[in-house]
Amino acid sequence: MKSLLATCLLMLPIIAIAQNNAPPTKGLSQIEIAALLATGSTSDRIAKRVQDRGIEFMPDDAFLKALQADGATEPLLAALKSATMKPGEPSTQNAGLPTGESEALAHLHRAAQLNRNNFHPREAEPEFVQAKGADPTNPFVHLALGEILERVGSKEEGIAEFRAALNLQPDIAEVQLNLGEALLGEPGQHREALEHLQRAVALDPSYAWAHSNLATALDMNGDKEGAAEQRKIADGLGARPVPVRIRVGGQMMQSKLISQSRPQYPKKAKASHIEGKVRLNVMLGEDGVVKDIEVIEGDPLLAEAAVKAVSKWRYQPTTLNHIPVEVISEVDVNFTLK
C-alpha cells in the first residue's frame, strides 16, 4: 500500500506538469537547433525533434554545412532536408534572419566548432557570451551559455543563465534538466531540483538522461522505489552511451579538486637542496578518482613523492553532455625549500 501511495504521489505532480507545460508545437528555429547541438544534444535527438515539430525556416546549404562543421551527423542533416515547414510561418531563406539572431547564430557555430573534438570550453565561452549579447531574449542562447559556464566551473553563473532561460520559456526540457541537475549538488536545493527534473520528464518522456537524473533526485529525497523505477525507464531508453575520455586543462581541473594531500618532501632531495616542478599526466575515472599517473618531467627524487600524493587526490566527476566521462589532464606539483 505504501509503495502504491508513493507512486501515486510521484505521478500527480508529473501529470499536472504535463498538462500545464505541454511540449511546444512551434517549429524549430535555426538558433534552437544550433544551440542544442553546441551544448551536446545528439544529432539523433535533435533529428527526432525536427521530425516531431517541423521547422520554421528553409535550411539552405550554408546552414547545413555550418551544422556539419559543428558536429551534426547524417540523421540530423537528413531530417532537416525533409522537414515540414510549419503552416503560416514564413521562410527566412530569402529575407534572412534579423541582425541580432544572425550574429547569435554565427557565435553559436563558432562556439560549437571550438568545443568539438578538442573540448575547449574556455575558448568557446566568449562566443556563447557574445551570442547572448546579440540575442538576449532567446532562451536557447541562455541555455547554451549556462551549460558552458557550468562546464568551466562557474556553477552559480550557470544556474543564473538556466533560470533566465526558464523565465523566457519554461517548456524546454533541456533547460529544466540542466537546472535540476545543477541544483542537485547545491545544499538545500534537492526539492527544487526534483521539481525541475519532474518537469523535464513530463515535457519529454523519451529523454533518457532526464529519467536518470530524476532517479538521483528521488534518491536524495528519500523515495528509493521511485528512483528504482526511473532508473529502469532510463535503462530502457538507453541513458548510457559508450564511455568517453576527454582531455581537460589543468587549471580547470584544479577548480574541481575535492581533496588534495600535500606531498612529503623526500629527505634525499631536501639534503641535496633539490627544488623544482614535477609535471604529471593524470587519468581520472568517471567518479573523479585517479586511475593512472605518468611523469612527464621533473627530478626523479621529487617525482616519486609527487605521484604518491596525487594518487590520493579526488575530483568532482566531469560530465560531457550530462554523461560522466574519464578525464586526462596535466598536474604540476611544486617542491620549494623554505
C-alpha atoms as a PDB file:
ATOM      1  CA  MET A   1       0.000   0.000   0.000  1.00  0.00           C
ATOM      2  CA  LYS A   2       2.816   2.415   0.910  1.00  0.00           C
ATOM      3  CA  SER A   3       4.558   1.678  -2.383  1.00  0.00           C
ATOM      4  CA  LEU A   4       1.355   2.367  -4.344  1.00  0.00           C
ATOM      5  CA  LEU A   5       0.747   5.594  -2.437  1.00  0.00           C
ATOM      6  CA  ALA A   6       4.326   6.771  -3.058  1.00  0.00           C
ATOM      7  CA  THR A   7       3.970   6.067  -6.767  1.00  0.00           C
ATOM      8  CA  CYS A   8       0.679   7.973  -6.950  1.00  0.00           C
ATOM      9  CA  LEU A   9       2.154  10.931  -5.108  1.00  0.00           C
ATOM     10  CA  LEU A  10       5.094  10.919  -7.522  1.00  0.00           C
ATOM     11  CA  MET A  11       2.840  10.826 -10.578  1.00  0.00           C
ATOM     12  CA  LEU A  12       0.491  13.630  -9.500  1.00  0.00           C
ATOM     13  CA  PRO A  13       2.987  16.475  -9.995  1.00  0.00           C
ATOM     14  CA  ILE A  14       4.229  14.953 -13.239  1.00  0.00           C
ATOM     15  CA  ILE A  15       0.681  14.706 -14.608  1.00  0.00           C
ATOM     16  CA  ALA A  16      -0.061  18.279 -13.574  1.00  0.00           C
ATOM     17  CA  ILE A  17       3.184  19.493 -15.124  1.00  0.00           C
ATOM     18  CA  ALA A  18       2.458  17.643 -18.346  1.00  0.00           C
ATOM     19  CA  GLN A  19      -0.955  19.319 -18.568  1.00  0.00           C
ATOM     20  CA  ASN A  20       0.363  22.801 -17.822  1.00  0.00           C
ATOM     21  CA  ASN A  21       3.640  22.585 -19.746  1.00  0.00           C
ATOM     22  CA  ALA A  22       2.818  20.680 -22.910  1.00  0.00           C
ATOM     23  CA  PRO A  23       5.767  20.482 -25.324  1.00  0.00           C
ATOM     24  CA  PRO A  24       5.822  23.369 -27.814  1.00  0.00           C
ATOM     25  CA  THR A  25       4.195  22.867 -31.205  1.00  0.00           C
ATOM     26  CA  LYS A  26       6.078  25.692 -32.905  1.00  0.00           C
ATOM     27  CA  GLY A  27       8.654  24.633 -35.480  1.00  0.00           C
ATOM     28  CA  LEU A  28      12.327  24.651 -34.537  1.00  0.00           C
ATOM     29  CA  SER A  29      14.378  27.753 -35.308  1.00  0.00           C
ATOM     30  CA  GLN A  30      17.957  27.834 -36.576  1.00  0.00           C
ATOM     31  CA  ILE A  31      19.179  29.116 -33.210  1.00  0.00           C
ATOM     32  CA  GLU A  32      17.368  26.373 -31.302  1.00  0.00           C
ATOM     33  CA  ILE A  33      18.992  23.689 -33.440  1.00  0.00           C
ATOM     34  CA  ALA A  34      22.464  25.269 -33.309  1.00  0.00           C
ATOM     35  CA  ALA A  35      22.286  25.888 -29.547  1.00  0.00           C
ATOM     36  CA  LEU A  36      21.163  22.333 -28.762  1.00  0.00           C
ATOM     37  CA  LEU A  37      23.938  20.915 -30.926  1.00  0.00           C
ATOM     38  CA  ALA A  38      26.520  23.259 -29.375  1.00  0.00           C
ATOM     39  CA  THR A  39      25.568  22.187 -25.862  1.00  0.00           C
ATOM     40  CA  GLY A  40      25.788  18.487 -26.532  1.00  0.00           C
ATOM     41  CA  SER A  41      22.398  17.210 -27.657  1.00  0.00           C
ATOM     42  CA  THR A  42      22.947  14.353 -30.084  1.00  0.00           C
ATOM     43  CA  SER A  43      22.067  14.619 -33.750  1.00  0.00           C
ATOM     44  CA  ASP A  44      19.614  11.738 -33.294  1.00  0.00           C
ATOM     45  CA  ARG A  45      17.783  13.557 -30.509  1.00  0.00           C
ATOM     46  CA  ILE A  46      17.553  16.843 -32.432  1.00  0.00           C
ATOM     47  CA  ALA A  47      16.514  14.967 -35.587  1.00  0.00           C
ATOM     48  CA  LYS A  48      13.600  13.407 -33.695  1.00  0.00           C
ATOM     49  CA  ARG A  49      12.539  16.844 -32.528  1.00  0.00           C
ATOM     50  CA  VAL A  50      12.700  18.113 -36.118  1.00  0.00           C
ATOM     51  CA  GLN A  51      10.516  15.210 -37.247  1.00  0.00           C
ATOM     52  CA  ASP A  52       8.012  15.782 -34.435  1.00  0.00           C
ATOM     53  CA  ARG A  53       7.731  19.556 -34.653  1.00  0.00           C
ATOM     54  CA  GLY A  54       8.956  20.605 -38.076  1.00  0.00           C
ATOM     55  CA  ILE A  55      10.984  23.779 -38.645  1.00  0.00           C
ATOM     56  CA  GLU A  56      10.156  27.434 -39.146  1.00  0.00           C
ATOM     57  CA  PHE A  57      12.804  28.142 -41.809  1.00  0.00           C
ATOM     58  CA  MET A  58      14.053  26.748 -45.094  1.00  0.00           C
ATOM     59  CA  PRO A  59      17.506  25.189 -44.468  1.00  0.00           C
ATOM     60  CA  ASP A  60      19.958  26.275 -47.144  1.00  0.00           C
ATOM     61  CA  ASP A  61      23.332  24.745 -47.997  1.00  0.00           C
ATOM     62  CA  ALA A  62      25.239  27.281 -45.889  1.00  0.00           C
ATOM     63  CA  PHE A  63      23.302  26.380 -42.728  1.00  0.00           C
ATOM     64  CA  LEU A  64      23.635  22.638 -43.345  1.00  0.00           C
ATOM     65  CA  LYS A  65      27.390  22.941 -43.936  1.00  0.00           C
ATOM     66  CA  ALA A  66      27.776  25.016 -40.759  1.00  0.00           C
ATOM     67  CA  LEU A  67      25.907  22.375 -38.748  1.00  0.00           C
ATOM     68  CA  GLN A  68      28.091  19.674 -40.231  1.00  0.00           C
ATOM     69  CA  ALA A  69      31.174  21.628 -39.118  1.00  0.00           C
ATOM     70  CA  ASP A  70      29.555  21.911 -35.678  1.00  0.00           C
ATOM     71  CA  GLY A  71      29.399  18.125 -35.460  1.00  0.00           C
ATOM     72  CA  ALA A  72      25.951  17.304 -36.879  1.00  0.00           C
ATOM     73  CA  THR A  73      25.720  13.821 -38.350  1.00  0.00           C
ATOM     74  CA  GLU A  74      23.606  12.455 -41.177  1.00  0.00           C
ATOM     75  CA  PRO A  75      20.399  11.754 -39.197  1.00  0.00           C
ATOM     76  CA  LEU A  76      20.012  15.450 -38.370  1.00  0.00           C
ATOM     77  CA  LEU A  77      21.045  16.705 -41.811  1.00  0.00           C
ATOM     78  CA  ALA A  78      18.611  14.291 -43.483  1.00  0.00           C
ATOM     79  CA  ALA A  79      15.793  15.270 -41.101  1.00  0.00           C
ATOM     80  CA  LEU A  80      16.299  18.955 -41.906  1.00  0.00           C
ATOM     81  CA  LYS A  81      16.281  18.345 -45.666  1.00  0.00           C
ATOM     82  CA  SER A  82      12.950  16.518 -45.429  1.00  0.00           C
ATOM     83  CA  ALA A  83      11.436  18.579 -42.594  1.00  0.00           C
ATOM     84  CA  THR A  84       7.934  20.000 -42.697  1.00  0.00           C
ATOM     85  CA  MET A  85       7.580  23.778 -42.760  1.00  0.00           C
ATOM     86  CA  LYS A  86       5.015  24.894 -40.204  1.00  0.00           C
ATOM     87  CA  PRO A  87       1.883  26.306 -41.943  1.00  0.00           C
ATOM     88  CA  GLY A  88       1.621  30.064 -41.753  1.00  0.00           C
ATOM     89  CA  GLU A  89       5.245  30.578 -40.731  1.00  0.00           C
ATOM     90  CA  PRO A  90       7.287  32.372 -43.393  1.00  0.00           C
ATOM     91  CA  SER A  91      10.552  31.038 -44.695  1.00  0.00           C
ATOM     92  CA  THR A  92      13.626  33.024 -43.716  1.00  0.00           C
ATOM     93  CA  GLN A  93      15.648  31.755 -46.630  1.00  0.00           C
ATOM     94  CA  ASN A  94      15.211  34.883 -48.724  1.00  0.00           C
ATOM     95  CA  ALA A  95      14.625  37.556 -46.117  1.00  0.00           C
ATOM     96  CA  GLY A  96      17.397  36.325 -43.816  1.00  0.00           C
ATOM     97  CA  LEU A  97      17.482  36.440 -40.036  1.00  0.00           C
ATOM     98  CA  PRO A  98      17.220  39.698 -38.089  1.00  0.00           C
ATOM     99  CA  THR A  99      20.676  41.127 -37.312  1.00  0.00           C
ATOM    100  CA  GLY A 100      20.732  40.038 -33.665  1.00  0.00           C
ATOM    101  CA  GLU A 101      19.674  36.468 -34.422  1.00  0.00           C
ATOM    102  CA  SER A 102      22.138  36.254 -37.295  1.00  0.00           C
ATOM    103  CA  GLU A 103      25.005  37.371 -35.050  1.00  0.00           C
ATOM    104  CA  ALA A 104      23.945  34.988 -32.285  1.00  0.00           C
ATOM    105  CA  LEU A 105      23.813  32.107 -34.756  1.00  0.00           C
ATOM    106  CA  ALA A 106      27.331  32.884 -36.023  1.00  0.00           C
ATOM    107  CA  HIS A 107      28.679  32.888 -32.463  1.00  0.00           C
ATOM    108  CA  LEU A 108      26.942  29.583 -31.688  1.00  0.00           C
ATOM    109  CA  HIS A 109      28.531  27.975 -34.739  1.00  0.00           C
ATOM    110  CA  ARG A 110      31.997  29.210 -33.701  1.00  0.00           C
ATOM    111  CA  ALA A 111      31.455  28.018 -30.135  1.00  0.00           C
ATOM    112  CA  ALA A 112      30.372  24.561 -31.294  1.00  0.00           C
ATOM    113  CA  GLN A 113      33.399  24.242 -33.542  1.00  0.00           C
ATOM    114  CA  LEU A 114      35.759  25.271 -30.743  1.00  0.00           C
ATOM    115  CA  ASN A 115      34.168  22.697 -28.468  1.00  0.00           C
ATOM    116  CA  ARG A 116      34.065  19.880 -30.987  1.00  0.00           C
ATOM    117  CA  ASN A 117      36.527  17.006 -30.551  1.00  0.00           C
ATOM    118  CA  ASN A 118      39.222  19.006 -28.757  1.00  0.00           C
ATOM    119  CA  PHE A 119      36.938  20.076 -25.892  1.00  0.00           C
ATOM    120  CA  HIS A 120      37.922  23.754 -25.484  1.00  0.00           C
ATOM    121  CA  PRO A 121      35.194  25.217 -23.261  1.00  0.00           C
ATOM    122  CA  ARG A 122      37.335  28.153 -22.129  1.00  0.00           C
ATOM    123  CA  GLU A 123      37.787  29.287 -25.717  1.00  0.00           C
ATOM    124  CA  ALA A 124      34.112  28.656 -26.517  1.00  0.00           C
ATOM    125  CA  GLU A 125      32.779  30.587 -23.510  1.00  0.00           C
ATOM    126  CA  PRO A 126      33.296  34.111 -25.003  1.00  0.00           C
ATOM    127  CA  GLU A 127      31.409  33.044 -28.125  1.00  0.00           C
ATOM    128  CA  PHE A 128      28.425  31.957 -26.030  1.00  0.00           C
ATOM    129  CA  VAL A 129      28.599  35.268 -24.116  1.00  0.00           C
ATOM    130  CA  GLN A 130      28.516  37.195 -27.391  1.00  0.00           C
ATOM    131  CA  ALA A 131      25.620  35.070 -28.645  1.00  0.00           C
ATOM    132  CA  LYS A 132      23.637  36.107 -25.572  1.00  0.00           C
ATOM    133  CA  GLY A 133      24.578  39.731 -26.103  1.00  0.00           C
ATOM    134  CA  ALA A 134      23.380  39.590 -29.700  1.00  0.00           C
ATOM    135  CA  ASP A 135      20.038  37.921 -28.909  1.00  0.00           C
ATOM    136  CA  PRO A 136      19.348  38.313 -25.157  1.00  0.00           C
ATOM    137  CA  THR A 137      15.661  37.338 -25.318  1.00  0.00           C
ATOM    138  CA  ASN A 138      16.320  33.908 -26.836  1.00  0.00           C
ATOM    139  CA  PRO A 139      16.138  31.198 -24.144  1.00  0.00           C
ATOM    140  CA  PHE A 140      18.385  28.856 -26.114  1.00  0.00           C
ATOM    141  CA  VAL A 141      21.399  31.190 -26.003  1.00  0.00           C
ATOM    142  CA  HIS A 142      20.969  31.410 -22.215  1.00  0.00           C
ATOM    143  CA  LEU A 143      20.795  27.607 -22.084  1.00  0.00           C
ATOM    144  CA  ALA A 144      23.977  27.311 -24.152  1.00  0.00           C
ATOM    145  CA  LEU A 145      25.846  29.861 -22.044  1.00  0.00           C
ATOM    146  CA  GLY A 146      24.681  28.262 -18.791  1.00  0.00           C
ATOM    147  CA  GLU A 147      25.867  24.832 -19.890  1.00  0.00           C
ATOM    148  CA  ILE A 148      29.360  26.053 -20.799  1.00  0.00           C
ATOM    149  CA  LEU A 149      29.654  28.128 -17.601  1.00  0.00           C
ATOM    150  CA  GLU A 150      28.898  25.010 -15.570  1.00  0.00           C
ATOM    151  CA  ARG A 151      31.482  23.083 -17.539  1.00  0.00           C
ATOM    152  CA  VAL A 152      34.252  25.589 -16.776  1.00  0.00           C
ATOM    153  CA  GLY A 153      33.401  25.641 -13.075  1.00  0.00           C
ATOM    154  CA  SER A 154      31.252  28.810 -12.850  1.00  0.00           C
ATOM    155  CA  LYS A 155      28.272  26.949 -11.430  1.00  0.00           C
ATOM    156  CA  GLU A 156      26.394  29.862  -9.842  1.00  0.00           C
ATOM    157  CA  GLU A 157      26.594  31.857 -13.069  1.00  0.00           C
ATOM    158  CA  GLY A 158      25.444  28.796 -14.995  1.00  0.00           C
ATOM    159  CA  ILE A 159      22.424  28.367 -12.744  1.00  0.00           C
ATOM    160  CA  ALA A 160      21.558  32.046 -13.253  1.00  0.00           C
ATOM    161  CA  GLU A 161      21.567  31.539 -17.033  1.00  0.00           C
ATOM    162  CA  PHE A 162      19.334  28.457 -16.740  1.00  0.00           C
ATOM    163  CA  ARG A 163      16.886  30.488 -14.645  1.00  0.00           C
ATOM    164  CA  ALA A 164      16.941  33.247 -17.251  1.00  0.00           C
ATOM    165  CA  ALA A 165      16.126  30.705 -19.960  1.00  0.00           C
ATOM    166  CA  LEU A 166      13.360  29.272 -17.787  1.00  0.00           C
ATOM    167  CA  ASN A 167      11.800  32.717 -17.300  1.00  0.00           C
ATOM    168  CA  LEU A 168      11.785  33.245 -21.051  1.00  0.00           C
ATOM    169  CA  GLN A 169      10.358  29.826 -21.933  1.00  0.00           C
ATOM    170  CA  PRO A 170       9.521  27.218 -19.259  1.00  0.00           C
ATOM    171  CA  ASP A 171       8.595  24.403 -21.653  1.00  0.00           C
ATOM    172  CA  ILE A 172      12.122  23.451 -22.761  1.00  0.00           C
ATOM    173  CA  ALA A 173      13.065  20.013 -21.401  1.00  0.00           C
ATOM    174  CA  GLU A 174      16.814  20.714 -21.683  1.00  0.00           C
ATOM    175  CA  VAL A 175      16.504  23.844 -19.530  1.00  0.00           C
ATOM    176  CA  GLN A 176      14.553  22.004 -16.840  1.00  0.00           C
ATOM    177  CA  LEU A 177      17.112  19.165 -16.932  1.00  0.00           C
ATOM    178  CA  ASN A 178      20.177  21.417 -16.749  1.00  0.00           C
ATOM    179  CA  LEU A 179      18.764  23.493 -13.907  1.00  0.00           C
ATOM    180  CA  GLY A 180      17.631  20.424 -11.984  1.00  0.00           C
ATOM    181  CA  GLU A 181      20.955  18.676 -12.464  1.00  0.00           C
ATOM    182  CA  ALA A 182      22.877  21.785 -11.351  1.00  0.00           C
ATOM    183  CA  LEU A 183      20.744  22.187  -8.215  1.00  0.00           C
ATOM    184  CA  LEU A 184      21.237  18.551  -7.202  1.00  0.00           C
ATOM    185  CA  GLY A 185      24.715  19.416  -5.976  1.00  0.00           C
ATOM    186  CA  GLU A 186      23.630  22.514  -4.055  1.00  0.00           C
ATOM    187  CA  PRO A 187      22.902  22.243  -0.301  1.00  0.00           C
ATOM    188  CA  GLY A 188      19.215  22.602   0.497  1.00  0.00           C
ATOM    189  CA  GLN A 189      18.158  22.567  -3.162  1.00  0.00           C
ATOM    190  CA  HIS A 190      17.186  18.893  -3.552  1.00  0.00           C
ATOM    191  CA  ARG A 191      13.436  19.573  -3.508  1.00  0.00           C
ATOM    192  CA  GLU A 192      13.624  22.263  -6.205  1.00  0.00           C
ATOM    193  CA  ALA A 193      15.949  20.045  -8.247  1.00  0.00           C
ATOM    194  CA  LEU A 194      13.343  17.280  -8.060  1.00  0.00           C
ATOM    195  CA  GLU A 195      10.607  19.616  -9.335  1.00  0.00           C
ATOM    196  CA  HIS A 196      12.645  20.702 -12.370  1.00  0.00           C
ATOM    197  CA  LEU A 197      13.593  17.137 -13.239  1.00  0.00           C
ATOM    198  CA  GLN A 198       9.953  16.056 -12.980  1.00  0.00           C
ATOM    199  CA  ARG A 199       9.113  18.821 -15.451  1.00  0.00           C
ATOM    200  CA  ALA A 200      11.880  17.670 -17.802  1.00  0.00           C
ATOM    201  CA  VAL A 201      10.451  14.134 -17.825  1.00  0.00           C
ATOM    202  CA  ALA A 202       6.901  15.428 -18.290  1.00  0.00           C
ATOM    203  CA  LEU A 203       7.963  17.601 -21.221  1.00  0.00           C
ATOM    204  CA  ASP A 204       9.904  14.793 -22.893  1.00  0.00           C
ATOM    205  CA  PRO A 205       9.173  11.272 -21.587  1.00  0.00           C
ATOM    206  CA  SER A 206      11.709   9.837 -24.064  1.00  0.00           C
ATOM    207  CA  TYR A 207      14.582  11.851 -22.529  1.00  0.00           C
ATOM    208  CA  ALA A 208      16.687   9.074 -21.007  1.00  0.00           C
ATOM    209  CA  TRP A 209      19.087  11.305 -19.137  1.00  0.00           C
ATOM    210  CA  ALA A 210      16.207  13.236 -17.549  1.00  0.00           C
ATOM    211  CA  HIS A 211      14.873   9.967 -16.099  1.00  0.00           C
ATOM    212  CA  SER A 212      18.353   9.089 -14.850  1.00  0.00           C
ATOM    213  CA  ASN A 213      18.754  12.442 -13.070  1.00  0.00           C
ATOM    214  CA  LEU A 214      15.220  12.222 -11.714  1.00  0.00           C
ATOM    215  CA  ALA A 215      16.193   8.883 -10.167  1.00  0.00           C
ATOM    216  CA  THR A 216      19.103  10.574  -8.395  1.00  0.00           C
ATOM    217  CA  ALA A 217      16.826  13.368  -7.144  1.00  0.00           C
ATOM    218  CA  LEU A 218      14.269  10.880  -5.852  1.00  0.00           C
ATOM    219  CA  ASP A 219      17.034   9.023  -4.021  1.00  0.00           C
ATOM    220  CA  MET A 220      18.152  12.261  -2.383  1.00  0.00           C
ATOM    221  CA  ASN A 221      14.569  12.969  -1.342  1.00  0.00           C
ATOM    222  CA  GLY A 222      14.130   9.510   0.197  1.00  0.00           C
ATOM    223  CA  ASP A 223      11.990   7.828  -2.477  1.00  0.00           C
ATOM    224  CA  LYS A 224      14.045   4.697  -3.184  1.00  0.00           C
ATOM    225  CA  GLU A 225      11.247   2.862  -5.003  1.00  0.00           C
ATOM    226  CA  GLY A 226      10.514   5.823  -7.280  1.00  0.00           C
ATOM    227  CA  ALA A 227      14.225   6.123  -8.000  1.00  0.00           C
ATOM    228  CA  ALA A 228      14.453   2.450  -8.977  1.00  0.00           C
ATOM    229  CA  GLU A 229      11.510   2.856 -11.361  1.00  0.00           C
ATOM    230  CA  GLN A 230      13.097   5.892 -13.033  1.00  0.00           C
ATOM    231  CA  ARG A 231      16.399   4.050 -13.455  1.00  0.00           C
ATOM    232  CA  LYS A 232      14.547   1.185 -15.069  1.00  0.00           C
ATOM    233  CA  ILE A 233      12.945   3.607 -17.535  1.00  0.00           C
ATOM    234  CA  ALA A 234      16.296   5.296 -18.201  1.00  0.00           C
ATOM    235  CA  ASP A 235      17.974   1.949 -18.884  1.00  0.00           C
ATOM    236  CA  GLY A 236      15.184   1.025 -21.276  1.00  0.00           C
ATOM    237  CA  LEU A 237      15.701   4.268 -23.171  1.00  0.00           C
ATOM    238  CA  GLY A 238      19.465   3.837 -23.259  1.00  0.00           C
ATOM    239  CA  ALA A 239      20.770   6.544 -20.926  1.00  0.00           C
ATOM    240  CA  ARG A 240      24.361   5.334 -21.020  1.00  0.00           C
ATOM    241  CA  PRO A 241      26.347   5.600 -24.241  1.00  0.00           C
ATOM    242  CA  VAL A 242      29.853   4.191 -24.707  1.00  0.00           C
ATOM    243  CA  PRO A 243      32.195   5.731 -22.086  1.00  0.00           C
ATOM    244  CA  VAL A 244      34.143   8.740 -23.305  1.00  0.00           C
ATOM    245  CA  ARG A 245      37.584  10.042 -22.337  1.00  0.00           C
ATOM    246  CA  ILE A 246      38.438  13.715 -22.807  1.00  0.00           C
ATOM    247  CA  ARG A 247      41.436  15.971 -22.172  1.00  0.00           C
ATOM    248  CA  VAL A 248      40.846  18.949 -19.881  1.00  0.00           C
ATOM    249  CA  GLY A 249      43.207  21.777 -18.956  1.00  0.00           C
ATOM    250  CA  GLY A 250      44.969  21.604 -15.615  1.00  0.00           C
ATOM    251  CA  GLN A 251      43.647  24.973 -14.445  1.00  0.00           C
ATOM    252  CA  MET A 252      40.055  23.856 -14.966  1.00  0.00           C
ATOM    253  CA  MET A 253      40.632  20.569 -13.139  1.00  0.00           C
ATOM    254  CA  GLN A 254      42.198  22.466 -10.233  1.00  0.00           C
ATOM    255  CA  SER A 255      38.778  24.028  -9.600  1.00  0.00           C
ATOM    256  CA  LYS A 256      37.248  20.527  -9.384  1.00  0.00           C
ATOM    257  CA  LEU A 257      39.517  19.256  -6.609  1.00  0.00           C
ATOM    258  CA  ILE A 258      37.634  17.885  -3.613  1.00  0.00           C
ATOM    259  CA  SER A 259      40.613  16.692  -1.559  1.00  0.00           C
ATOM    260  CA  GLN A 260      44.312  17.299  -2.088  1.00  0.00           C
ATOM    261  CA  SER A 261      47.047  15.781   0.069  1.00  0.00           C
ATOM    262  CA  ARG A 262      50.369  17.619   0.227  1.00  0.00           C
ATOM    263  CA  PRO A 263      53.448  15.704  -0.978  1.00  0.00           C
ATOM    264  CA  GLN A 264      56.107  14.783   1.552  1.00  0.00           C
ATOM    265  CA  TYR A 265      59.423  16.381   0.640  1.00  0.00           C
ATOM    266  CA  PRO A 266      61.879  13.499   0.040  1.00  0.00           C
ATOM    267  CA  LYS A 267      64.742  13.529   2.569  1.00  0.00           C
ATOM    268  CA  LYS A 268      67.379  12.887  -0.097  1.00  0.00           C
ATOM    269  CA  ALA A 269      66.087  15.762  -2.242  1.00  0.00           C
ATOM    270  CA  LYS A 270      65.999  18.065   0.786  1.00  0.00           C
ATOM    271  CA  ALA A 271      69.526  17.090   1.805  1.00  0.00           C
ATOM    272  CA  SER A 272      70.722  17.759  -1.753  1.00  0.00           C
ATOM    273  CA  HIS A 273      68.813  21.088  -1.869  1.00  0.00           C
ATOM    274  CA  ILE A 274      66.824  19.936  -4.899  1.00  0.00           C
ATOM    275  CA  GLU A 275      63.804  22.064  -5.774  1.00  0.00           C
ATOM    276  CA  GLY A 276      61.572  22.264  -8.816  1.00  0.00           C
ATOM    277  CA  LYS A 277      58.373  21.267 -10.545  1.00  0.00           C
ATOM    278  CA  VAL A 278      57.119  17.800 -11.352  1.00  0.00           C
ATOM    279  CA  ARG A 279      54.621  17.656 -14.212  1.00  0.00           C
ATOM    280  CA  LEU A 280      52.303  14.654 -14.338  1.00  0.00           C
ATOM    281  CA  ASN A 281      49.856  13.325 -16.892  1.00  0.00           C
ATOM    282  CA  VAL A 282      46.875  12.102 -14.843  1.00  0.00           C
ATOM    283  CA  MET A 283      43.895   9.978 -15.877  1.00  0.00           C
ATOM    284  CA  LEU A 284      40.734  10.225 -13.782  1.00  0.00           C
ATOM    285  CA  GLY A 285      37.868   7.776 -13.757  1.00  0.00           C
ATOM    286  CA  GLU A 286      34.250   8.773 -14.261  1.00  0.00           C
ATOM    287  CA  ASP A 287      33.960   9.065 -10.470  1.00  0.00           C
ATOM    288  CA  GLY A 288      36.832  11.582 -10.209  1.00  0.00           C
ATOM    289  CA  VAL A 289      39.264   9.053  -8.708  1.00  0.00           C
ATOM    290  CA  VAL A 290      42.842   8.985 -10.047  1.00  0.00           C
ATOM    291  CA  LYS A 291      43.334   5.816 -12.118  1.00  0.00           C
ATOM    292  CA  ASP A 292      46.750   6.297 -13.701  1.00  0.00           C
ATOM    293  CA  ILE A 293      49.699   8.701 -13.499  1.00  0.00           C
ATOM    294  CA  GLU A 294      52.600   9.278 -15.885  1.00  0.00           C
ATOM    295  CA  VAL A 295      55.603  11.505 -15.099  1.00  0.00           C
ATOM    296  CA  ILE A 296      56.200  13.998 -17.913  1.00  0.00           C
ATOM    297  CA  GLU A 297      59.083  15.967 -16.411  1.00  0.00           C
ATOM    298  CA  GLY A 298      60.781  16.594 -13.098  1.00  0.00           C
ATOM    299  CA  ASP A 299      63.674  15.408 -10.946  1.00  0.00           C
ATOM    300  CA  PRO A 300      63.371  11.658 -10.222  1.00  0.00           C
ATOM    301  CA  LEU A 301      63.933  12.293  -6.499  1.00  0.00           C
ATOM    302  CA  LEU A 302      60.833  14.519  -6.448  1.00  0.00           C
ATOM    303  CA  ALA A 303      58.714  12.620  -8.952  1.00  0.00           C
ATOM    304  CA  GLU A 304      58.017   9.608  -6.717  1.00  0.00           C
ATOM    305  CA  ALA A 305      56.687  11.834  -3.928  1.00  0.00           C
ATOM    306  CA  ALA A 306      54.538  13.769  -6.387  1.00  0.00           C
ATOM    307  CA  VAL A 307      52.996  10.601  -7.798  1.00  0.00           C
ATOM    308  CA  LYS A 308      52.313   9.231  -4.316  1.00  0.00           C
ATOM    309  CA  ALA A 309      50.490  12.418  -3.268  1.00  0.00           C
ATOM    310  CA  VAL A 310      48.483  12.960  -6.451  1.00  0.00           C
ATOM    311  CA  SER A 311      47.321   9.338  -6.491  1.00  0.00           C
ATOM    312  CA  LYS A 312      45.271  10.180  -3.386  1.00  0.00           C
ATOM    313  CA  TRP A 313      43.637  13.324  -4.819  1.00  0.00           C
ATOM    314  CA  ARG A 314      39.910  13.301  -5.514  1.00  0.00           C
ATOM    315  CA  TYR A 315      37.990  15.386  -8.046  1.00  0.00           C
ATOM    316  CA  GLN A 316      34.383  16.175  -8.774  1.00  0.00           C
ATOM    317  CA  PRO A 317      33.186  13.934 -11.646  1.00  0.00           C
ATOM    318  CA  THR A 318      33.410  15.608 -15.043  1.00  0.00           C
ATOM    319  CA  THR A 319      30.409  15.346 -17.376  1.00  0.00           C
ATOM    320  CA  LEU A 320      30.058  15.831 -21.108  1.00  0.00           C
ATOM    321  CA  ASN A 321      26.513  16.145 -22.426  1.00  0.00           C
ATOM    322  CA  HIS A 322      25.395  15.205 -18.893  1.00  0.00           C
ATOM    323  CA  ILE A 323      27.316  11.916 -19.027  1.00  0.00           C
ATOM    324  CA  PRO A 324      30.233  11.255 -16.597  1.00  0.00           C
ATOM    325  CA  VAL A 325      33.459  10.835 -18.563  1.00  0.00           C
ATOM    326  CA  GLU A 326      37.056   9.852 -17.930  1.00  0.00           C
ATOM    327  CA  VAL A 327      39.497  12.758 -17.964  1.00  0.00           C
ATOM    328  CA  ILE A 328      43.138  13.161 -18.918  1.00  0.00           C
ATOM    329  CA  SER A 329      44.799  16.280 -17.519  1.00  0.00           C
ATOM    330  CA  GLU A 330      48.209  17.643 -16.550  1.00  0.00           C
ATOM    331  CA  VAL A 331      49.085  18.357 -12.920  1.00  0.00           C
ATOM    332  CA  ASP A 332      52.050  20.410 -11.706  1.00  0.00           C
ATOM    333  CA  VAL A 333      53.460  19.690  -8.236  1.00  0.00           C
ATOM    334  CA  ASN A 334      55.952  22.263  -6.947  1.00  0.00           C
ATOM    335  CA  PHE A 335      58.675  21.483  -4.403  1.00  0.00           C
ATOM    336  CA  THR A 336      60.225  24.521  -2.703  1.00  0.00           C
ATOM    337  CA  LEU A 337      62.681  24.552   0.177  1.00  0.00           C
ATOM    338  CA  LYS A 338      61.988  27.160   2.839  1.00  0.00           C
END
